[in-house]
N, C-alpha and C. Protein backbone atom coordinates (compact mmCIF):
# COMPACT_ATOMS: atom_id res chain seq x y z
N MET A 1 0.84 -1.17 0.00
CA MET A 1 0.00 0.00 0.00
C MET A 1 0.89 1.25 0.00
N LEU A 2 0.50 2.21 -0.79
CA LEU A 2 1.28 3.44 -0.90
C LEU A 2 0.89 4.44 0.16
N SER A 3 1.87 5.17 0.64
CA SER A 3 1.59 6.25 1.59
C SER A 3 1.00 7.44 0.84
N GLN A 4 0.39 8.35 1.58
CA GLN A 4 -0.15 9.57 0.99
C GLN A 4 0.96 10.37 0.31
N THR A 5 2.12 10.41 0.94
CA THR A 5 3.26 11.14 0.38
C THR A 5 3.67 10.55 -0.97
N SER A 6 3.73 9.23 -1.06
CA SER A 6 4.07 8.57 -2.33
C SER A 6 3.04 8.88 -3.39
N GLU A 7 1.77 8.84 -3.01
CA GLU A 7 0.72 9.15 -3.98
C GLU A 7 0.85 10.58 -4.49
N TYR A 8 1.10 11.53 -3.60
CA TYR A 8 1.27 12.92 -4.02
C TYR A 8 2.47 13.07 -4.94
N ALA A 9 3.56 12.37 -4.62
CA ALA A 9 4.76 12.44 -5.46
C ALA A 9 4.47 11.86 -6.86
N LEU A 10 3.75 10.76 -6.91
CA LEU A 10 3.39 10.16 -8.19
C LEU A 10 2.46 11.06 -8.99
N ARG A 11 1.52 11.70 -8.31
CA ARG A 11 0.63 12.64 -9.00
C ARG A 11 1.43 13.76 -9.66
N ALA A 12 2.36 14.34 -8.89
CA ALA A 12 3.18 15.44 -9.41
C ALA A 12 4.04 14.95 -10.58
N ALA A 13 4.64 13.78 -10.45
CA ALA A 13 5.50 13.25 -11.51
C ALA A 13 4.70 12.94 -12.77
N VAL A 14 3.49 12.41 -12.62
CA VAL A 14 2.64 12.15 -13.78
C VAL A 14 2.33 13.46 -14.48
N TYR A 15 1.98 14.48 -13.71
CA TYR A 15 1.68 15.78 -14.31
C TYR A 15 2.90 16.33 -15.07
N LEU A 16 4.07 16.26 -14.45
CA LEU A 16 5.28 16.76 -15.11
C LEU A 16 5.62 15.94 -16.35
N ALA A 17 5.38 14.64 -16.31
CA ALA A 17 5.64 13.79 -17.48
C ALA A 17 4.69 14.13 -18.62
N GLN A 18 3.47 14.49 -18.28
CA GLN A 18 2.49 14.84 -19.31
C GLN A 18 2.69 16.24 -19.86
N ASN A 19 3.39 17.08 -19.13
CA ASN A 19 3.55 18.49 -19.51
C ASN A 19 5.02 18.89 -19.48
N PRO A 20 5.83 18.31 -20.36
CA PRO A 20 7.28 18.55 -20.31
C PRO A 20 7.74 19.83 -21.00
N GLU A 21 6.83 20.57 -21.61
CA GLU A 21 7.21 21.71 -22.46
C GLU A 21 7.82 22.88 -21.69
N LYS A 22 7.55 23.00 -20.39
CA LYS A 22 8.08 24.12 -19.61
C LYS A 22 8.10 23.76 -18.14
N PRO A 23 8.87 24.49 -17.32
CA PRO A 23 8.84 24.27 -15.87
C PRO A 23 7.48 24.68 -15.29
N HIS A 24 7.08 24.02 -14.23
CA HIS A 24 5.78 24.28 -13.61
C HIS A 24 5.98 24.64 -12.14
N THR A 25 5.25 25.65 -11.68
CA THR A 25 5.36 26.08 -10.29
C THR A 25 4.65 25.09 -9.37
N THR A 26 5.01 25.16 -8.10
CA THR A 26 4.37 24.32 -7.10
C THR A 26 2.87 24.60 -7.07
N ALA A 27 2.49 25.87 -7.14
CA ALA A 27 1.08 26.23 -7.10
C ALA A 27 0.32 25.63 -8.28
N GLU A 28 0.91 25.68 -9.45
CA GLU A 28 0.28 25.13 -10.65
C GLU A 28 0.10 23.62 -10.52
N ILE A 29 1.16 22.94 -10.10
CA ILE A 29 1.10 21.48 -9.96
C ILE A 29 0.07 21.11 -8.89
N ALA A 30 0.08 21.82 -7.77
CA ALA A 30 -0.85 21.54 -6.67
C ALA A 30 -2.29 21.70 -7.12
N SER A 31 -2.55 22.76 -7.82
CA SER A 31 -3.91 23.04 -8.28
C SER A 31 -4.42 21.95 -9.23
N LEU A 32 -3.59 21.56 -10.17
CA LEU A 32 -4.03 20.61 -11.19
C LEU A 32 -4.00 19.15 -10.72
N THR A 33 -3.26 18.86 -9.67
CA THR A 33 -3.21 17.48 -9.16
C THR A 33 -4.03 17.32 -7.88
N LYS A 34 -4.61 18.42 -7.41
CA LYS A 34 -5.44 18.41 -6.20
C LYS A 34 -4.66 17.93 -4.97
N VAL A 35 -3.45 18.45 -4.84
CA VAL A 35 -2.58 18.16 -3.70
C VAL A 35 -2.39 19.47 -2.94
N PRO A 36 -2.47 19.44 -1.60
CA PRO A 36 -2.24 20.67 -0.85
C PRO A 36 -0.87 21.28 -1.18
N GLU A 37 -0.87 22.56 -1.52
CA GLU A 37 0.35 23.21 -2.00
C GLU A 37 1.49 23.15 -0.99
N HIS A 38 1.20 23.42 0.28
CA HIS A 38 2.26 23.42 1.30
C HIS A 38 2.91 22.04 1.40
N TYR A 39 2.09 21.00 1.38
CA TYR A 39 2.60 19.63 1.46
C TYR A 39 3.37 19.27 0.19
N LEU A 40 2.81 19.68 -0.96
CA LEU A 40 3.47 19.37 -2.23
C LEU A 40 4.84 20.00 -2.32
N SER A 41 5.01 21.19 -1.76
CA SER A 41 6.32 21.84 -1.83
C SER A 41 7.38 20.98 -1.12
N LYS A 42 7.01 20.35 -0.01
CA LYS A 42 7.94 19.46 0.70
C LYS A 42 8.23 18.20 -0.12
N VAL A 43 7.18 17.68 -0.75
CA VAL A 43 7.34 16.48 -1.59
C VAL A 43 8.27 16.78 -2.77
N LEU A 44 8.06 17.92 -3.42
CA LEU A 44 8.90 18.30 -4.57
C LEU A 44 10.35 18.52 -4.15
N LEU A 45 10.57 19.06 -2.96
CA LEU A 45 11.95 19.22 -2.45
C LEU A 45 12.62 17.86 -2.27
N MET A 46 11.86 16.87 -1.76
CA MET A 46 12.42 15.52 -1.61
C MET A 46 12.74 14.91 -2.98
N LEU A 47 11.85 15.13 -3.94
CA LEU A 47 12.09 14.61 -5.29
C LEU A 47 13.31 15.28 -5.92
N ALA A 48 13.49 16.57 -5.67
CA ALA A 48 14.66 17.29 -6.18
C ALA A 48 15.94 16.79 -5.53
N LYS A 49 15.87 16.54 -4.23
CA LYS A 49 17.05 16.03 -3.50
C LYS A 49 17.52 14.69 -4.07
N HIS A 50 16.58 13.88 -4.53
CA HIS A 50 16.90 12.56 -5.10
C HIS A 50 17.00 12.60 -6.62
N GLU A 51 17.06 13.81 -7.17
CA GLU A 51 17.24 14.04 -8.61
C GLU A 51 16.18 13.38 -9.48
N VAL A 52 14.96 13.35 -8.97
CA VAL A 52 13.82 12.90 -9.77
C VAL A 52 13.29 14.09 -10.57
N VAL A 53 13.33 15.27 -9.96
CA VAL A 53 12.94 16.51 -10.63
C VAL A 53 14.06 17.53 -10.47
N TYR A 54 14.05 18.51 -11.34
CA TYR A 54 14.95 19.66 -11.24
C TYR A 54 14.11 20.89 -11.00
N TYR A 55 14.69 21.85 -10.29
CA TYR A 55 14.03 23.12 -10.07
C TYR A 55 14.81 24.20 -10.79
N LYS A 56 14.12 24.96 -11.62
CA LYS A 56 14.72 26.07 -12.34
C LYS A 56 14.29 27.36 -11.66
N LYS A 57 15.25 28.15 -11.21
CA LYS A 57 14.95 29.41 -10.53
C LYS A 57 14.64 30.50 -11.56
N GLY A 58 14.01 31.54 -11.09
CA GLY A 58 13.79 32.70 -11.94
C GLY A 58 12.34 32.93 -12.31
N LEU A 59 12.14 33.94 -13.15
CA LEU A 59 10.82 34.38 -13.56
C LEU A 59 9.99 33.26 -14.19
N HIS A 60 10.58 32.49 -15.06
CA HIS A 60 9.87 31.39 -15.72
C HIS A 60 10.32 30.05 -15.17
N GLY A 61 10.61 30.03 -13.88
CA GLY A 61 11.11 28.83 -13.24
C GLY A 61 10.02 27.88 -12.80
N GLY A 62 10.46 26.78 -12.24
CA GLY A 62 9.55 25.77 -11.74
C GLY A 62 10.20 24.40 -11.81
N TYR A 63 9.39 23.38 -11.69
CA TYR A 63 9.88 22.00 -11.67
C TYR A 63 9.69 21.32 -13.02
N ILE A 64 10.67 20.48 -13.37
CA ILE A 64 10.60 19.62 -14.54
C ILE A 64 11.17 18.26 -14.13
N LEU A 65 10.78 17.22 -14.86
CA LEU A 65 11.37 15.90 -14.58
C LEU A 65 12.85 15.93 -14.92
N ALA A 66 13.64 15.25 -14.12
CA ALA A 66 15.09 15.21 -14.34
C ALA A 66 15.47 14.18 -15.39
N GLN A 67 14.55 13.27 -15.70
CA GLN A 67 14.80 12.22 -16.69
C GLN A 67 13.64 12.16 -17.67
N LEU A 68 13.87 11.53 -18.78
CA LEU A 68 12.77 11.27 -19.71
C LEU A 68 11.80 10.30 -19.05
N PRO A 69 10.51 10.44 -19.31
CA PRO A 69 9.52 9.55 -18.68
C PRO A 69 9.82 8.07 -18.89
N GLU A 70 10.34 7.72 -20.07
CA GLU A 70 10.62 6.30 -20.34
C GLU A 70 11.80 5.75 -19.56
N SER A 71 12.60 6.61 -18.94
CA SER A 71 13.73 6.12 -18.16
C SER A 71 13.56 6.38 -16.66
N LEU A 72 12.36 6.75 -16.25
CA LEU A 72 12.10 7.02 -14.83
C LEU A 72 11.13 5.99 -14.27
N PRO A 73 11.65 4.99 -13.54
CA PRO A 73 10.77 4.00 -12.92
C PRO A 73 9.91 4.63 -11.83
N LEU A 74 8.69 4.15 -11.70
CA LEU A 74 7.81 4.63 -10.63
C LEU A 74 8.45 4.40 -9.26
N LEU A 75 9.20 3.31 -9.14
CA LEU A 75 9.86 2.99 -7.87
C LEU A 75 10.82 4.09 -7.43
N ASN A 76 11.48 4.75 -8.36
CA ASN A 76 12.40 5.84 -8.00
C ASN A 76 11.65 6.98 -7.32
N VAL A 77 10.46 7.28 -7.80
CA VAL A 77 9.66 8.35 -7.19
C VAL A 77 9.21 7.93 -5.80
N ILE A 78 8.72 6.71 -5.68
CA ILE A 78 8.26 6.20 -4.38
C ILE A 78 9.40 6.19 -3.37
N ASN A 79 10.54 5.64 -3.77
CA ASN A 79 11.68 5.54 -2.84
C ASN A 79 12.28 6.90 -2.49
N ALA A 80 12.09 7.90 -3.33
CA ALA A 80 12.60 9.23 -3.04
C ALA A 80 11.86 9.89 -1.89
N VAL A 81 10.58 9.58 -1.73
CA VAL A 81 9.79 10.27 -0.71
C VAL A 81 9.43 9.39 0.48
N ASP A 82 9.28 8.10 0.25
CA ASP A 82 8.88 7.19 1.33
C ASP A 82 9.33 5.78 0.95
N PRO A 83 10.61 5.47 1.17
CA PRO A 83 11.15 4.18 0.72
C PRO A 83 10.33 2.99 1.20
N ILE A 84 10.23 2.00 0.33
CA ILE A 84 9.49 0.79 0.66
C ILE A 84 10.24 0.06 1.77
N LYS A 85 9.50 -0.29 2.80
CA LYS A 85 10.10 -1.01 3.94
C LYS A 85 10.01 -2.50 3.68
N HIS A 86 11.12 -3.18 3.88
CA HIS A 86 11.17 -4.61 3.62
C HIS A 86 10.76 -5.41 4.86
N ILE A 87 10.08 -6.52 4.61
CA ILE A 87 9.66 -7.41 5.69
C ILE A 87 10.90 -8.14 6.20
N LYS A 88 11.16 -8.03 7.50
CA LYS A 88 12.35 -8.66 8.09
C LYS A 88 12.00 -9.82 9.00
N SER A 89 10.75 -9.85 9.46
CA SER A 89 10.31 -10.96 10.29
C SER A 89 8.82 -11.16 10.06
N CYS A 90 8.31 -12.26 10.54
CA CYS A 90 6.90 -12.59 10.34
C CYS A 90 6.02 -11.55 11.01
N PRO A 91 5.16 -10.88 10.24
CA PRO A 91 4.28 -9.87 10.83
C PRO A 91 3.30 -10.47 11.84
N LEU A 92 3.04 -11.78 11.71
CA LEU A 92 2.12 -12.46 12.64
C LEU A 92 2.84 -13.00 13.87
N LYS A 93 4.16 -12.84 13.90
CA LYS A 93 5.00 -13.31 15.02
C LYS A 93 4.89 -14.82 15.24
N LEU A 94 4.74 -15.58 14.15
CA LEU A 94 4.66 -17.03 14.26
C LEU A 94 6.07 -17.60 14.46
N LYS A 95 6.25 -18.37 15.51
CA LYS A 95 7.56 -18.94 15.82
C LYS A 95 8.02 -19.91 14.74
N THR A 96 7.10 -20.56 14.07
CA THR A 96 7.46 -21.53 13.03
C THR A 96 8.10 -20.84 11.82
N HIS A 97 7.87 -19.57 11.67
CA HIS A 97 8.47 -18.83 10.56
C HIS A 97 9.86 -18.32 10.88
N GLY A 98 10.21 -18.28 12.14
CA GLY A 98 11.54 -17.84 12.53
C GLY A 98 11.81 -16.42 12.05
N THR A 99 13.09 -16.10 11.93
CA THR A 99 13.47 -14.76 11.49
C THR A 99 13.94 -14.72 10.05
N ASN A 100 14.12 -15.89 9.43
CA ASN A 100 14.54 -15.92 8.03
C ASN A 100 13.32 -15.83 7.12
N GLN A 101 13.07 -14.64 6.62
CA GLN A 101 11.89 -14.41 5.79
C GLN A 101 12.21 -14.41 4.30
N LYS A 102 13.38 -14.93 3.94
CA LYS A 102 13.82 -14.89 2.55
C LYS A 102 12.81 -15.54 1.61
N HIS A 103 12.17 -16.64 2.03
CA HIS A 103 11.25 -17.35 1.15
C HIS A 103 9.81 -17.27 1.65
N SER A 104 9.53 -16.37 2.54
CA SER A 104 8.17 -16.20 3.04
C SER A 104 7.25 -15.74 1.92
N PRO A 105 6.00 -16.23 1.89
CA PRO A 105 5.05 -15.76 0.86
C PRO A 105 4.87 -14.24 0.88
N LEU A 106 4.86 -13.64 2.06
CA LEU A 106 4.73 -12.18 2.14
C LEU A 106 5.94 -11.49 1.55
N ARG A 107 7.12 -12.02 1.80
CA ARG A 107 8.35 -11.44 1.27
C ARG A 107 8.37 -11.56 -0.25
N VAL A 108 7.95 -12.71 -0.77
CA VAL A 108 7.92 -12.93 -2.22
C VAL A 108 6.91 -11.97 -2.86
N ASP A 109 5.72 -11.83 -2.25
CA ASP A 109 4.72 -10.88 -2.76
C ASP A 109 5.28 -9.46 -2.78
N GLN A 110 5.96 -9.08 -1.72
CA GLN A 110 6.55 -7.75 -1.64
C GLN A 110 7.59 -7.55 -2.73
N GLN A 111 8.40 -8.56 -2.99
CA GLN A 111 9.41 -8.47 -4.04
C GLN A 111 8.77 -8.34 -5.42
N ILE A 112 7.67 -9.04 -5.63
CA ILE A 112 6.96 -8.95 -6.91
C ILE A 112 6.41 -7.54 -7.10
N ILE A 113 5.78 -7.00 -6.07
CA ILE A 113 5.22 -5.65 -6.16
C ILE A 113 6.32 -4.63 -6.41
N GLU A 114 7.42 -4.76 -5.68
CA GLU A 114 8.54 -3.83 -5.87
C GLU A 114 9.12 -3.96 -7.28
N PHE A 115 9.19 -5.16 -7.81
CA PHE A 115 9.68 -5.37 -9.17
C PHE A 115 8.76 -4.68 -10.18
N ILE A 116 7.45 -4.79 -10.00
CA ILE A 116 6.50 -4.15 -10.91
C ILE A 116 6.67 -2.63 -10.86
N TRP A 117 6.81 -2.07 -9.67
CA TRP A 117 7.04 -0.62 -9.55
C TRP A 117 8.34 -0.22 -10.24
N HIS A 118 9.31 -1.13 -10.23
CA HIS A 118 10.61 -0.83 -10.85
C HIS A 118 10.53 -0.88 -12.38
N ILE A 119 9.83 -1.86 -12.94
CA ILE A 119 9.81 -1.98 -14.40
C ILE A 119 8.81 -1.02 -15.05
N CYS A 120 7.83 -0.54 -14.30
CA CYS A 120 6.88 0.43 -14.86
C CYS A 120 7.48 1.82 -14.77
N ASN A 121 7.55 2.47 -15.90
CA ASN A 121 8.05 3.85 -15.91
C ASN A 121 6.91 4.77 -16.35
N PHE A 122 7.18 6.05 -16.39
CA PHE A 122 6.12 7.00 -16.67
C PHE A 122 5.63 6.96 -18.10
N SER A 123 6.46 6.56 -19.03
CA SER A 123 5.96 6.44 -20.40
C SER A 123 5.01 5.25 -20.49
N THR A 124 5.24 4.20 -19.69
CA THR A 124 4.33 3.06 -19.65
C THR A 124 2.97 3.49 -19.13
N VAL A 125 2.96 4.27 -18.09
CA VAL A 125 1.72 4.74 -17.49
C VAL A 125 0.97 5.66 -18.45
N LEU A 126 1.70 6.44 -19.22
CA LEU A 126 1.08 7.43 -20.08
C LEU A 126 0.76 6.94 -21.48
N LEU A 127 1.13 5.69 -21.81
CA LEU A 127 0.85 5.17 -23.14
C LEU A 127 -0.65 5.10 -23.40
N PRO A 128 -1.13 5.76 -24.45
CA PRO A 128 -2.56 5.72 -24.72
C PRO A 128 -3.07 4.34 -25.13
N SER A 129 -2.20 3.51 -25.69
CA SER A 129 -2.64 2.20 -26.16
C SER A 129 -2.65 1.15 -25.06
N LEU A 130 -2.13 1.47 -23.91
CA LEU A 130 -2.05 0.50 -22.82
C LEU A 130 -3.30 0.61 -21.94
N HIS A 131 -4.32 -0.18 -22.25
CA HIS A 131 -5.58 -0.06 -21.54
C HIS A 131 -5.65 -0.95 -20.31
N THR A 132 -4.70 -1.84 -20.13
CA THR A 132 -4.73 -2.73 -18.98
C THR A 132 -4.14 -2.09 -17.74
N PHE A 133 -3.43 -1.00 -17.89
CA PHE A 133 -2.83 -0.32 -16.74
C PHE A 133 -3.43 1.08 -16.67
N LYS A 134 -4.30 1.27 -15.69
CA LYS A 134 -4.94 2.57 -15.55
C LYS A 134 -4.40 3.28 -14.33
N VAL A 135 -4.28 4.58 -14.42
CA VAL A 135 -3.80 5.38 -13.30
C VAL A 135 -4.93 5.60 -12.30
N THR A 136 -6.16 5.59 -12.73
CA THR A 136 -7.28 5.95 -11.88
C THR A 136 -7.40 5.17 -10.57
N PRO A 137 -7.08 3.86 -10.49
CA PRO A 137 -7.20 3.20 -9.19
C PRO A 137 -6.29 3.81 -8.12
N PHE A 138 -5.14 4.35 -8.53
CA PHE A 138 -4.23 4.95 -7.57
C PHE A 138 -4.55 6.40 -7.29
N TRP A 139 -5.17 7.09 -8.25
CA TRP A 139 -5.46 8.51 -8.10
C TRP A 139 -6.93 8.77 -8.46
N PRO A 140 -7.88 8.30 -7.65
CA PRO A 140 -9.29 8.40 -8.04
C PRO A 140 -9.80 9.84 -8.17
N SER A 141 -9.22 10.78 -7.47
CA SER A 141 -9.72 12.16 -7.54
C SER A 141 -8.92 13.02 -8.50
N LEU A 142 -8.01 12.42 -9.22
CA LEU A 142 -7.12 13.16 -10.10
C LEU A 142 -7.72 13.34 -11.48
N ASP A 143 -7.72 14.55 -12.00
CA ASP A 143 -8.31 14.84 -13.29
C ASP A 143 -7.27 14.95 -14.39
N ILE A 144 -6.20 14.18 -14.31
CA ILE A 144 -5.18 14.20 -15.34
C ILE A 144 -5.64 13.29 -16.47
N ASN A 145 -5.52 13.75 -17.68
CA ASN A 145 -6.03 13.02 -18.84
C ASN A 145 -5.07 11.90 -19.22
N VAL A 146 -5.41 10.69 -18.83
CA VAL A 146 -4.64 9.50 -19.19
C VAL A 146 -5.59 8.60 -19.96
N LYS A 147 -5.26 8.30 -21.21
CA LYS A 147 -6.15 7.49 -22.04
C LYS A 147 -5.91 6.02 -21.81
């Protein structure tokens, strides 16, 4: 499950991937992605620190993606703001599972999910011909045009 911070970061990155023609201000991104501006400014600073986005200063400044959408895995955005925590022991505290969770079904599921986040990049999400992967389940209130 994604944190609210990760969702906000993904919303901002999707918007920037869809609108690469110029830098965008925090206020503009917040308004169009329906993310609180004050919170989004902190999220964008974290993304900039991890070189997911760049900030251009000045009159026509703002944020742009630091990479092309096709080379930016969704996992990079998630890990920049709220790294995925790995399962280290049985969440149910079952003694039969011990502390070695290398082959635990939960650990394997987590690795599969993390792998999917890694192989999916922003051009994959934005492909109009890809109807099996929709952004709407993750961003139900978002009005970004994804076909």
